[in-house]
Amino acid sequence: MTEWVLELLGLLIGFGLLAKGAVWLVDGGSSLARKWRVSPLMIGLTVVAWGTSLPEVVVSGLAAWEGRGAMALGNVLGSNVANIGLVLGVSAIILPRILTGRVALREVVWLLGSLAILWAVCYDGSVTRLESGLLLAVFALYNFVLLRSPRGFVSTEGAEEHSSRRPIIGVIAGAVAIGIGAKLAMFGAEGLATRAGISEAVIGLTVIAVGTSLPELAAGIGSALRGHHDISFGNVIGSNVFNSLAVIGIAGMIRPITGGPVLAHDLDVMLGRDFPVSLAFALVLVSLPFFMRGRAGRAKGAFLLASYLAYIAWLFA
């Protein structure tokens, strides 16, 4: 069997394990959260967001460990764009009311603020351990604020109907599957990208980003099909904040993102091209509810999805 076939199989099997592992982890985590009387929005912002973002942590952490800083940052920025354009776009097409309500000011501040902090940290072309520690400290503050919110805990009468019977086992099995899937996906993506002459930054922004966003997509579609628009929306907001603060923070603590001229060039390109795109998608997300209020949720979802596909086409143009 030729090497490219093995790499393709590794990529596909890895993506499958990432998606399945996240489903197990999210189901288990959500069951635990319901037992603790946590609201659907809070579940989306925390438990579901953390679970579906674990692939980004593992993939970016491995990339940083192997000295592939551009792929680590590209995975985060690409996943942030995919979460809004692909995940929320598809979810809103299924359940239009996801995009018919306003975004709370607190979520807007954290969504945009986390991206601004990440940009400031990356502005000099590197991410040191001190800067990584700063990102993690801000992420800890974010979660402290969330958990102190009085609207995060509600009555959960009847919530056990769809709960996992063995949530702890689901969480552990999901974490293991994600770890193995991330390694296989990295192996396949790196090999195929090298053969195609695609840069690490672009492969991180596209193939790896879509692969690590499959759990968010699965969670978003599953929540939309069940009519849980708060979980779908909260998952995207929480995942993007998690990516910007925790994923790069953890990756930079494993190994500082710094290196030679190739990495410096890739980071400079992403600062000038992909950071503005990520910011634009975030601004569109918070402003969409003000257009045709209470209506056209499916059209807004289609707009987000079309915008994401246009961005991917632009990267490969």
C-alpha atoms as a PDB file:
ATOM      1  CA  MET A   1       0.000   0.000   0.000  1.00  0.00           C
ATOM      2  CA  THR A   2       1.468   3.349  -1.056  1.00  0.00           C
ATOM      3  CA  GLU A   3       2.243   6.058   1.497  1.00  0.00           C
ATOM      4  CA  TRP A   4      -0.404   8.503   0.251  1.00  0.00           C
ATOM      5  CA  VAL A   5      -3.112   5.864   0.731  1.00  0.00           C
ATOM      6  CA  LEU A   6      -1.995   5.361   4.340  1.00  0.00           C
ATOM      7  CA  GLU A   7      -1.989   9.123   4.863  1.00  0.00           C
ATOM      8  CA  LEU A   8      -5.487   9.459   3.413  1.00  0.00           C
ATOM      9  CA  LEU A   9      -6.748   6.609   5.607  1.00  0.00           C
ATOM     10  CA  GLY A  10      -5.104   8.193   8.628  1.00  0.00           C
ATOM     11  CA  LEU A  11      -6.809  11.495   7.867  1.00  0.00           C
ATOM     12  CA  LEU A  12     -10.258   9.933   7.405  1.00  0.00           C
ATOM     13  CA  ILE A  13     -10.035   7.591  10.404  1.00  0.00           C
ATOM     14  CA  GLY A  14      -8.636  10.413  12.510  1.00  0.00           C
ATOM     15  CA  PHE A  15     -11.523  12.721  11.607  1.00  0.00           C
ATOM     16  CA  GLY A  16     -13.973   9.926  12.396  1.00  0.00           C
ATOM     17  CA  LEU A  17     -12.451   9.377  15.836  1.00  0.00           C
ATOM     18  CA  LEU A  18     -12.427  13.135  16.514  1.00  0.00           C
ATOM     19  CA  ALA A  19     -16.122  13.406  15.712  1.00  0.00           C
ATOM     20  CA  LYS A  20     -17.167  10.240  17.571  1.00  0.00           C
ATOM     21  CA  GLY A  21     -14.988  10.976  20.570  1.00  0.00           C
ATOM     22  CA  ALA A  22     -16.446  14.455  20.905  1.00  0.00           C
ATOM     23  CA  VAL A  23     -19.991  13.054  20.773  1.00  0.00           C
ATOM     24  CA  TRP A  24     -19.184  10.671  23.642  1.00  0.00           C
ATOM     25  CA  LEU A  25     -17.500  13.403  25.619  1.00  0.00           C
ATOM     26  CA  VAL A  26     -20.268  15.949  25.051  1.00  0.00           C
ATOM     27  CA  ASP A  27     -23.042  13.472  25.897  1.00  0.00           C
ATOM     28  CA  GLY A  28     -21.294  12.478  29.110  1.00  0.00           C
ATOM     29  CA  GLY A  29     -20.435  16.032  30.060  1.00  0.00           C
ATOM     30  CA  SER A  30     -23.924  17.308  29.303  1.00  0.00           C
ATOM     31  CA  SER A  31     -25.448  14.572  31.478  1.00  0.00           C
ATOM     32  CA  LEU A  32     -23.224  15.600  34.371  1.00  0.00           C
ATOM     33  CA  ALA A  33     -24.087  19.255  33.817  1.00  0.00           C
ATOM     34  CA  ARG A  34     -27.834  18.528  33.894  1.00  0.00           C
ATOM     35  CA  LYS A  35     -27.424  16.736  37.194  1.00  0.00           C
ATOM     36  CA  TRP A  36     -25.742  19.875  38.504  1.00  0.00           C
ATOM     37  CA  ARG A  37     -28.762  21.970  37.357  1.00  0.00           C
ATOM     38  CA  VAL A  38     -26.903  23.933  34.670  1.00  0.00           C
ATOM     39  CA  SER A  39     -28.892  25.867  32.017  1.00  0.00           C
ATOM     40  CA  PRO A  40     -28.766  24.853  28.306  1.00  0.00           C
ATOM     41  CA  LEU A  41     -26.909  28.060  27.355  1.00  0.00           C
ATOM     42  CA  MET A  42     -24.339  27.471  30.103  1.00  0.00           C
ATOM     43  CA  ILE A  43     -23.929  23.860  28.940  1.00  0.00           C
ATOM     44  CA  GLY A  44     -23.206  25.140  25.435  1.00  0.00           C
ATOM     45  CA  LEU A  45     -20.767  27.805  26.643  1.00  0.00           C
ATOM     46  CA  THR A  46     -18.837  25.469  28.922  1.00  0.00           C
ATOM     47  CA  VAL A  47     -19.250  21.675  28.855  1.00  0.00           C
ATOM     48  CA  VAL A  48     -20.121  21.311  25.165  1.00  0.00           C
ATOM     49  CA  ALA A  49     -17.636  24.011  24.108  1.00  0.00           C
ATOM     50  CA  TRP A  50     -14.799  22.441  26.107  1.00  0.00           C
ATOM     51  CA  GLY A  51     -15.593  18.960  24.836  1.00  0.00           C
ATOM     52  CA  THR A  52     -15.864  19.886  21.172  1.00  0.00           C
ATOM     53  CA  SER A  53     -12.720  22.063  21.406  1.00  0.00           C
ATOM     54  CA  LEU A  54     -10.572  19.292  22.842  1.00  0.00           C
ATOM     55  CA  PRO A  55      -9.459  18.201  19.327  1.00  0.00           C
ATOM     56  CA  GLU A  56      -8.076  21.720  18.751  1.00  0.00           C
ATOM     57  CA  VAL A  57      -6.147  21.438  22.024  1.00  0.00           C
ATOM     58  CA  VAL A  58      -4.630  18.084  21.105  1.00  0.00           C
ATOM     59  CA  VAL A  59      -3.864  18.949  17.473  1.00  0.00           C
ATOM     60  CA  SER A  60      -2.402  22.401  18.209  1.00  0.00           C
ATOM     61  CA  GLY A  61      -0.509  21.023  21.187  1.00  0.00           C
ATOM     62  CA  LEU A  62       1.049  18.290  19.041  1.00  0.00           C
ATOM     63  CA  ALA A  63       1.817  20.802  16.299  1.00  0.00           C
ATOM     64  CA  ALA A  64       3.567  23.115  18.776  1.00  0.00           C
ATOM     65  CA  TRP A  65       5.491  20.200  20.283  1.00  0.00           C
ATOM     66  CA  GLU A  66       6.745  19.262  16.821  1.00  0.00           C
ATOM     67  CA  GLY A  67       7.751  22.865  16.067  1.00  0.00           C
ATOM     68  CA  ARG A  68       4.852  23.526  13.678  1.00  0.00           C
ATOM     69  CA  GLY A  69       3.681  26.798  15.179  1.00  0.00           C
ATOM     70  CA  ALA A  70       2.013  28.024  11.998  1.00  0.00           C
ATOM     71  CA  MET A  71      -0.192  24.936  11.900  1.00  0.00           C
ATOM     72  CA  ALA A  72      -1.112  25.405  15.576  1.00  0.00           C
ATOM     73  CA  LEU A  73      -2.227  29.020  15.069  1.00  0.00           C
ATOM     74  CA  GLY A  74      -3.804  28.259  11.696  1.00  0.00           C
ATOM     75  CA  ASN A  75      -5.879  25.515  13.321  1.00  0.00           C
ATOM     76  CA  VAL A  76      -7.251  28.000  15.870  1.00  0.00           C
ATOM     77  CA  LEU A  77      -8.069  30.781  13.404  1.00  0.00           C
ATOM     78  CA  GLY A  78      -9.477  28.353  10.841  1.00  0.00           C
ATOM     79  CA  SER A  79     -11.596  26.629  13.494  1.00  0.00           C
ATOM     80  CA  ASN A  80     -12.966  29.978  14.700  1.00  0.00           C
ATOM     81  CA  VAL A  81     -14.064  30.842  11.178  1.00  0.00           C
ATOM     82  CA  ALA A  82     -15.422  27.324  10.572  1.00  0.00           C
ATOM     83  CA  ASN A  83     -17.403  27.420  13.823  1.00  0.00           C
ATOM     84  CA  ILE A  84     -19.281  30.526  12.706  1.00  0.00           C
ATOM     85  CA  GLY A  85     -19.454  30.007   8.954  1.00  0.00           C
ATOM     86  CA  LEU A  86     -19.779  26.220   8.696  1.00  0.00           C
ATOM     87  CA  VAL A  87     -21.160  25.040  12.047  1.00  0.00           C
ATOM     88  CA  LEU A  88     -23.527  27.902  12.830  1.00  0.00           C
ATOM     89  CA  GLY A  89     -24.462  28.303   9.165  1.00  0.00           C
ATOM     90  CA  VAL A  90     -25.518  24.663   8.786  1.00  0.00           C
ATOM     91  CA  SER A  91     -27.192  24.628  12.222  1.00  0.00           C
ATOM     92  CA  ALA A  92     -29.229  27.761  11.397  1.00  0.00           C
ATOM     93  CA  ILE A  93     -30.385  26.254   8.104  1.00  0.00           C
ATOM     94  CA  ILE A  94     -31.761  23.330  10.150  1.00  0.00           C
ATOM     95  CA  LEU A  95     -33.095  25.450  13.047  1.00  0.00           C
ATOM     96  CA  PRO A  96     -33.573  29.063  11.838  1.00  0.00           C
ATOM     97  CA  ARG A  97     -34.326  30.553  15.260  1.00  0.00           C
ATOM     98  CA  ILE A  98     -30.662  30.089  16.240  1.00  0.00           C
ATOM     99  CA  LEU A  99     -29.954  33.377  14.440  1.00  0.00           C
ATOM    100  CA  THR A 100     -33.118  35.287  15.275  1.00  0.00           C
ATOM    101  CA  GLY A 101     -32.235  36.351  18.828  1.00  0.00           C
ATOM    102  CA  ARG A 102     -29.741  38.930  20.016  1.00  0.00           C
ATOM    103  CA  VAL A 103     -26.309  38.021  21.382  1.00  0.00           C
ATOM    104  CA  ALA A 104     -25.894  39.004  25.037  1.00  0.00           C
ATOM    105  CA  LEU A 105     -23.396  41.824  25.630  1.00  0.00           C
ATOM    106  CA  ARG A 106     -21.293  39.585  27.851  1.00  0.00           C
ATOM    107  CA  GLU A 107     -20.835  37.006  25.079  1.00  0.00           C
ATOM    108  CA  VAL A 108     -20.015  39.773  22.555  1.00  0.00           C
ATOM    109  CA  VAL A 109     -17.315  41.191  24.838  1.00  0.00           C
ATOM    110  CA  TRP A 110     -15.669  37.818  25.387  1.00  0.00           C
ATOM    111  CA  LEU A 111     -15.930  36.725  21.747  1.00  0.00           C
ATOM    112  CA  LEU A 112     -14.303  39.888  20.398  1.00  0.00           C
ATOM    113  CA  GLY A 113     -12.047  40.464  23.385  1.00  0.00           C
ATOM    114  CA  SER A 114     -10.487  36.985  23.250  1.00  0.00           C
ATOM    115  CA  LEU A 115      -9.625  37.488  19.586  1.00  0.00           C
ATOM    116  CA  ALA A 116      -8.136  40.916  20.314  1.00  0.00           C
ATOM    117  CA  ILE A 117      -5.966  39.473  23.089  1.00  0.00           C
ATOM    118  CA  LEU A 118      -4.749  36.674  20.807  1.00  0.00           C
ATOM    119  CA  TRP A 119      -3.877  39.221  18.102  1.00  0.00           C
ATOM    120  CA  ALA A 120      -1.905  41.309  20.610  1.00  0.00           C
ATOM    121  CA  VAL A 121       0.008  38.245  21.791  1.00  0.00           C
ATOM    122  CA  CYS A 122       0.875  37.164  18.217  1.00  0.00           C
ATOM    123  CA  TYR A 123       1.662  40.661  16.933  1.00  0.00           C
ATOM    124  CA  ASP A 124       5.435  40.341  17.467  1.00  0.00           C
ATOM    125  CA  GLY A 125       5.571  37.077  15.493  1.00  0.00           C
ATOM    126  CA  SER A 126       5.870  34.691  18.436  1.00  0.00           C
ATOM    127  CA  VAL A 127       4.025  33.329  21.470  1.00  0.00           C
ATOM    128  CA  THR A 128       6.189  32.920  24.577  1.00  0.00           C
ATOM    129  CA  ARG A 129       5.368  30.874  27.669  1.00  0.00           C
ATOM    130  CA  LEU A 130       4.701  34.092  29.588  1.00  0.00           C
ATOM    131  CA  GLU A 131       2.190  35.176  26.946  1.00  0.00           C
ATOM    132  CA  SER A 132       0.680  31.686  26.954  1.00  0.00           C
ATOM    133  CA  GLY A 133       0.248  31.948  30.706  1.00  0.00           C
ATOM    134  CA  LEU A 134      -1.531  35.273  30.195  1.00  0.00           C
ATOM    135  CA  LEU A 135      -3.965  33.670  27.741  1.00  0.00           C
ATOM    136  CA  LEU A 136      -4.721  30.870  30.199  1.00  0.00           C
ATOM    137  CA  ALA A 137      -5.211  33.355  33.045  1.00  0.00           C
ATOM    138  CA  VAL A 138      -7.756  35.297  30.988  1.00  0.00           C
ATOM    139  CA  PHE A 139      -9.495  32.023  30.114  1.00  0.00           C
ATOM    140  CA  ALA A 140      -9.694  31.143  33.809  1.00  0.00           C
ATOM    141  CA  LEU A 141     -11.257  34.567  34.467  1.00  0.00           C
ATOM    142  CA  TYR A 142     -13.778  33.942  31.667  1.00  0.00           C
ATOM    143  CA  ASN A 143     -14.917  30.704  33.247  1.00  0.00           C
ATOM    144  CA  PHE A 144     -15.055  32.258  36.704  1.00  0.00           C
ATOM    145  CA  VAL A 145     -17.371  34.965  35.358  1.00  0.00           C
ATOM    146  CA  LEU A 146     -19.548  32.364  33.618  1.00  0.00           C
ATOM    147  CA  LEU A 147     -19.892  30.170  36.673  1.00  0.00           C
ATOM    148  CA  ARG A 148     -20.745  33.176  38.842  1.00  0.00           C
ATOM    149  CA  SER A 149     -23.584  34.116  36.511  1.00  0.00           C
ATOM    150  CA  PRO A 150     -26.982  33.860  38.258  1.00  0.00           C
ATOM    151  CA  ARG A 151     -28.667  32.780  35.016  1.00  0.00           C
ATOM    152  CA  GLY A 152     -26.417  29.776  34.587  1.00  0.00           C
ATOM    153  CA  PHE A 153     -28.318  27.460  36.927  1.00  0.00           C
ATOM    154  CA  VAL A 154     -31.952  26.471  36.520  1.00  0.00           C
ATOM    155  CA  SER A 155     -34.391  23.771  37.451  1.00  0.00           C
ATOM    156  CA  THR A 156     -33.800  20.605  35.442  1.00  0.00           C
ATOM    157  CA  GLU A 157     -36.954  18.672  36.131  1.00  0.00           C
ATOM    158  CA  GLY A 158     -37.232  15.910  33.524  1.00  0.00           C
ATOM    159  CA  ALA A 159     -33.755  16.593  32.155  1.00  0.00           C
ATOM    160  CA  GLU A 160     -32.619  13.018  32.760  1.00  0.00           C
ATOM    161  CA  GLU A 161     -34.696  11.768  29.852  1.00  0.00           C
ATOM    162  CA  HIS A 162     -31.861  12.170  27.349  1.00  0.00           C
ATOM    163  CA  SER A 163     -28.969  11.844  29.794  1.00  0.00           C
ATOM    164  CA  SER A 164     -26.169   9.346  29.392  1.00  0.00           C
ATOM    165  CA  ARG A 165     -26.421   6.468  31.884  1.00  0.00           C
ATOM    166  CA  ARG A 166     -22.663   6.326  32.416  1.00  0.00           C
ATOM    167  CA  PRO A 167     -21.407   9.878  31.846  1.00  0.00           C
ATOM    168  CA  ILE A 168     -17.943   9.354  33.366  1.00  0.00           C
ATOM    169  CA  ILE A 169     -17.209   6.458  30.991  1.00  0.00           C
ATOM    170  CA  GLY A 170     -18.381   8.590  28.064  1.00  0.00           C
ATOM    171  CA  VAL A 171     -16.061  11.432  29.054  1.00  0.00           C
ATOM    172  CA  ILE A 172     -13.032   9.131  29.387  1.00  0.00           C
ATOM    173  CA  ALA A 173     -13.744   7.200  26.168  1.00  0.00           C
ATOM    174  CA  GLY A 174     -14.308  10.438  24.291  1.00  0.00           C
ATOM    175  CA  ALA A 175     -11.027  11.918  25.489  1.00  0.00           C
ATOM    176  CA  VAL A 176      -9.083   8.795  24.443  1.00  0.00           C
ATOM    177  CA  ALA A 177     -10.729   8.688  20.998  1.00  0.00           C
ATOM    178  CA  ILE A 178      -9.964  12.376  20.458  1.00  0.00           C
ATOM    179  CA  GLY A 179      -6.314  11.903  21.374  1.00  0.00           C
ATOM    180  CA  ILE A 180      -5.834   9.000  18.944  1.00  0.00           C
ATOM    181  CA  GLY A 181      -7.882  10.724  16.235  1.00  0.00           C
ATOM    182  CA  ALA A 182      -5.860  13.923  16.506  1.00  0.00           C
ATOM    183  CA  LYS A 183      -2.577  12.076  16.029  1.00  0.00           C
ATOM    184  CA  LEU A 184      -3.894  10.165  12.993  1.00  0.00           C
ATOM    185  CA  ALA A 185      -5.336  13.352  11.470  1.00  0.00           C
ATOM    186  CA  MET A 186      -2.016  15.171  11.952  1.00  0.00           C
ATOM    187  CA  PHE A 187      -0.130  12.299  10.289  1.00  0.00           C
ATOM    188  CA  GLY A 188      -2.437  12.230   7.279  1.00  0.00           C
ATOM    189  CA  ALA A 189      -2.790  15.986   6.837  1.00  0.00           C
ATOM    190  CA  GLU A 190       0.951  16.688   7.060  1.00  0.00           C
ATOM    191  CA  GLY A 191       1.818  13.982   4.539  1.00  0.00           C
ATOM    192  CA  LEU A 192      -0.835  14.923   1.996  1.00  0.00           C
ATOM    193  CA  ALA A 193      -0.099  18.641   2.342  1.00  0.00           C
ATOM    194  CA  THR A 194       3.602  18.077   1.745  1.00  0.00           C
ATOM    195  CA  ARG A 195       2.881  16.067  -1.396  1.00  0.00           C
ATOM    196  CA  ALA A 196       0.518  18.778  -2.681  1.00  0.00           C
ATOM    197  CA  GLY A 197       2.965  21.596  -1.905  1.00  0.00           C
ATOM    198  CA  ILE A 198       0.531  23.315   0.499  1.00  0.00           C
ATOM    199  CA  SER A 199       1.977  25.395   3.358  1.00  0.00           C
ATOM    200  CA  GLU A 200       1.496  24.375   6.991  1.00  0.00           C
ATOM    201  CA  ALA A 201      -0.441  27.568   7.642  1.00  0.00           C
ATOM    202  CA  VAL A 202      -2.997  26.885   4.881  1.00  0.00           C
ATOM    203  CA  ILE A 203      -3.399  23.233   5.820  1.00  0.00           C
ATOM    204  CA  GLY A 204      -4.017  24.308   9.410  1.00  0.00           C
ATOM    205  CA  LEU A 205      -6.568  26.897   8.285  1.00  0.00           C
ATOM    206  CA  THR A 206      -8.472  24.464   6.093  1.00  0.00           C
ATOM    207  CA  VAL A 207      -8.107  20.677   6.381  1.00  0.00           C
ATOM    208  CA  ILE A 208      -7.057  20.541  10.037  1.00  0.00           C
ATOM    209  CA  ALA A 209      -9.496  23.304  11.026  1.00  0.00           C
ATOM    210  CA  VAL A 210     -12.446  21.557   9.381  1.00  0.00           C
ATOM    211  CA  GLY A 211     -11.416  18.226  10.897  1.00  0.00           C
ATOM    212  CA  THR A 212     -11.171  19.602  14.431  1.00  0.00           C
ATOM    213  CA  SER A 213     -14.463  21.472  13.894  1.00  0.00           C
ATOM    214  CA  LEU A 214     -16.332  18.249  13.060  1.00  0.00           C
ATOM    215  CA  PRO A 215     -17.259  17.786  16.749  1.00  0.00           C
ATOM    216  CA  GLU A 216     -18.732  21.307  16.869  1.00  0.00           C
ATOM    217  CA  LEU A 217     -20.603  20.546  13.657  1.00  0.00           C
ATOM    218  CA  ALA A 218     -21.930  17.256  15.054  1.00  0.00           C
ATOM    219  CA  ALA A 219     -22.944  18.927  18.319  1.00  0.00           C
ATOM    220  CA  GLY A 220     -24.501  21.879  16.492  1.00  0.00           C
ATOM    221  CA  ILE A 221     -26.551  19.722  14.129  1.00  0.00           C
ATOM    222  CA  GLY A 222     -27.584  17.378  16.933  1.00  0.00           C
ATOM    223  CA  SER A 223     -28.702  20.270  19.134  1.00  0.00           C
ATOM    224  CA  ALA A 224     -30.522  21.934  16.227  1.00  0.00           C
ATOM    225  CA  LEU A 225     -32.389  18.737  15.345  1.00  0.00           C
ATOM    226  CA  ARG A 226     -33.514  18.494  18.982  1.00  0.00           C
ATOM    227  CA  GLY A 227     -34.558  22.158  18.994  1.00  0.00           C
ATOM    228  CA  HIS A 228     -31.899  23.251  21.503  1.00  0.00           C
ATOM    229  CA  HIS A 229     -30.921  26.553  19.893  1.00  0.00           C
ATOM    230  CA  ASP A 230     -29.241  27.828  23.086  1.00  0.00           C
ATOM    231  CA  ILE A 231     -26.810  24.906  23.131  1.00  0.00           C
ATOM    232  CA  SER A 232     -25.985  25.297  19.408  1.00  0.00           C
ATOM    233  CA  PHE A 233     -25.337  29.015  19.741  1.00  0.00           C
ATOM    234  CA  GLY A 234     -23.530  28.787  23.074  1.00  0.00           C
ATOM    235  CA  ASN A 235     -21.308  26.015  21.702  1.00  0.00           C
ATOM    236  CA  VAL A 236     -19.990  28.282  18.931  1.00  0.00           C
ATOM    237  CA  ILE A 237     -19.365  31.280  21.208  1.00  0.00           C
ATOM    238  CA  GLY A 238     -17.753  29.154  23.912  1.00  0.00           C
ATOM    239  CA  SER A 239     -15.630  27.170  21.439  1.00  0.00           C
ATOM    240  CA  ASN A 240     -14.244  30.311  19.819  1.00  0.00           C
ATOM    241  CA  VAL A 241     -13.293  31.839  23.163  1.00  0.00           C
ATOM    242  CA  PHE A 242     -11.771  28.495  24.182  1.00  0.00           C
ATOM    243  CA  ASN A 243      -9.774  28.322  20.949  1.00  0.00           C
ATOM    244  CA  SER A 244      -8.420  31.872  21.154  1.00  0.00           C
ATOM    245  CA  LEU A 245      -7.404  31.696  24.803  1.00  0.00           C
ATOM    246  CA  ALA A 246      -6.983  28.102  25.988  1.00  0.00           C
ATOM    247  CA  VAL A 247      -5.815  26.280  22.842  1.00  0.00           C
ATOM    248  CA  ILE A 248      -2.974  28.659  21.989  1.00  0.00           C
ATOM    249  CA  GLY A 249      -2.246  29.104  25.695  1.00  0.00           C
ATOM    250  CA  ILE A 250      -1.786  25.359  26.175  1.00  0.00           C
ATOM    251  CA  ALA A 251       0.145  24.961  22.903  1.00  0.00           C
ATOM    252  CA  GLY A 252       2.489  27.816  23.826  1.00  0.00           C
ATOM    253  CA  MET A 253       3.093  26.340  27.278  1.00  0.00           C
ATOM    254  CA  ILE A 254       4.023  23.000  25.693  1.00  0.00           C
ATOM    255  CA  ARG A 255       6.469  24.744  23.379  1.00  0.00           C
ATOM    256  CA  PRO A 256       6.745  28.482  22.627  1.00  0.00           C
ATOM    257  CA  ILE A 257       5.597  29.342  19.119  1.00  0.00           C
ATOM    258  CA  THR A 258       8.742  30.914  17.721  1.00  0.00           C
ATOM    259  CA  GLY A 259      11.241  30.016  15.056  1.00  0.00           C
ATOM    260  CA  GLY A 260      12.920  30.983  11.817  1.00  0.00           C
ATOM    261  CA  PRO A 261      11.911  33.085   8.822  1.00  0.00           C
ATOM    262  CA  VAL A 262       9.346  30.582   7.503  1.00  0.00           C
ATOM    263  CA  LEU A 263       7.306  30.704  10.712  1.00  0.00           C
ATOM    264  CA  ALA A 264       7.707  34.489  10.940  1.00  0.00           C
ATOM    265  CA  HIS A 265       6.412  34.834   7.361  1.00  0.00           C
ATOM    266  CA  ASP A 266       3.434  32.524   8.011  1.00  0.00           C
ATOM    267  CA  LEU A 267       2.488  34.390  11.179  1.00  0.00           C
ATOM    268  CA  ASP A 268       2.791  37.716   9.381  1.00  0.00           C
ATOM    269  CA  VAL A 269       0.476  36.480   6.615  1.00  0.00           C
ATOM    270  CA  MET A 270      -2.095  35.246   9.134  1.00  0.00           C
ATOM    271  CA  LEU A 271      -1.967  38.541  11.043  1.00  0.00           C
ATOM    272  CA  GLY A 272      -2.739  40.442   7.855  1.00  0.00           C
ATOM    273  CA  ARG A 273      -5.214  38.015   6.274  1.00  0.00           C
ATOM    274  CA  ASP A 274      -6.758  35.470   8.624  1.00  0.00           C
ATOM    275  CA  PHE A 275      -7.092  37.511  11.808  1.00  0.00           C
ATOM    276  CA  PRO A 276      -9.198  40.149   9.980  1.00  0.00           C
ATOM    277  CA  VAL A 277     -11.326  37.369   8.441  1.00  0.00           C
ATOM    278  CA  SER A 278     -11.884  35.783  11.853  1.00  0.00           C
ATOM    279  CA  LEU A 279     -12.808  39.188  13.284  1.00  0.00           C
ATOM    280  CA  ALA A 280     -15.160  39.868  10.366  1.00  0.00           C
ATOM    281  CA  PHE A 281     -17.020  36.583  10.921  1.00  0.00           C
ATOM    282  CA  ALA A 282     -17.346  37.376  14.639  1.00  0.00           C
ATOM    283  CA  LEU A 283     -18.723  40.858  13.873  1.00  0.00           C
ATOM    284  CA  VAL A 284     -21.177  39.399  11.373  1.00  0.00           C
ATOM    285  CA  LEU A 285     -22.327  36.893  13.990  1.00  0.00           C
ATOM    286  CA  VAL A 286     -23.141  39.557  16.581  1.00  0.00           C
ATOM    287  CA  SER A 287     -24.753  41.913  14.036  1.00  0.00           C
ATOM    288  CA  LEU A 288     -26.902  39.442  12.066  1.00  0.00           C
ATOM    289  CA  PRO A 289     -29.748  39.373  14.630  1.00  0.00           C
ATOM    290  CA  PHE A 290     -30.282  43.120  14.055  1.00  0.00           C
ATOM    291  CA  PHE A 291     -31.147  42.513  10.390  1.00  0.00           C
ATOM    292  CA  MET A 292     -34.719  41.360   9.733  1.00  0.00           C
ATOM    293  CA  ARG A 293     -35.243  40.797  13.469  1.00  0.00           C
ATOM    294  CA  GLY A 294     -36.969  37.578  14.346  1.00  0.00           C
ATOM    295  CA  ARG A 295     -37.019  36.403  10.729  1.00  0.00           C
ATOM    296  CA  ALA A 296     -34.899  34.966   7.928  1.00  0.00           C
ATOM    297  CA  GLY A 297     -32.854  32.727  10.204  1.00  0.00           C
ATOM    298  CA  ARG A 298     -32.391  30.161   7.434  1.00  0.00           C
ATOM    299  CA  ALA A 299     -31.250  32.840   4.948  1.00  0.00           C
ATOM    300  CA  LYS A 300     -28.737  34.137   7.495  1.00  0.00           C
ATOM    301  CA  GLY A 301     -27.400  30.622   7.960  1.00  0.00           C
ATOM    302  CA  ALA A 302     -27.030  30.217   4.196  1.00  0.00           C
ATOM    303  CA  PHE A 303     -25.165  33.536   4.068  1.00  0.00           C
ATOM    304  CA  LEU A 304     -22.705  32.380   6.738  1.00  0.00           C
ATOM    305  CA  LEU A 305     -22.121  29.068   4.970  1.00  0.00           C
ATOM    306  CA  ALA A 306     -21.609  30.745   1.572  1.00  0.00           C
ATOM    307  CA  SER A 307     -19.176  33.217   3.129  1.00  0.00           C
ATOM    308  CA  TYR A 308     -17.176  30.376   4.649  1.00  0.00           C
ATOM    309  CA  LEU A 309     -16.964  28.492   1.349  1.00  0.00           C
ATOM    310  CA  ALA A 310     -15.827  31.699  -0.363  1.00  0.00           C
ATOM    311  CA  TYR A 311     -13.066  32.113   2.240  1.00  0.00           C
ATOM    312  CA  ILE A 312     -11.828  28.546   1.656  1.00  0.00           C
ATOM    313  CA  ALA A 313     -11.830  29.108  -2.112  1.00  0.00           C
ATOM    314  CA  TRP A 314      -9.851  32.321  -1.587  1.00  0.00           C
ATOM    315  CA  LEU A 315      -7.176  30.492   0.426  1.00  0.00           C
ATOM    316  CA  PHE A 316      -6.563  28.046  -2.419  1.00  0.00           C
ATOM    317  CA  ALA A 317      -6.883  30.604  -5.225  1.00  0.00           C
END
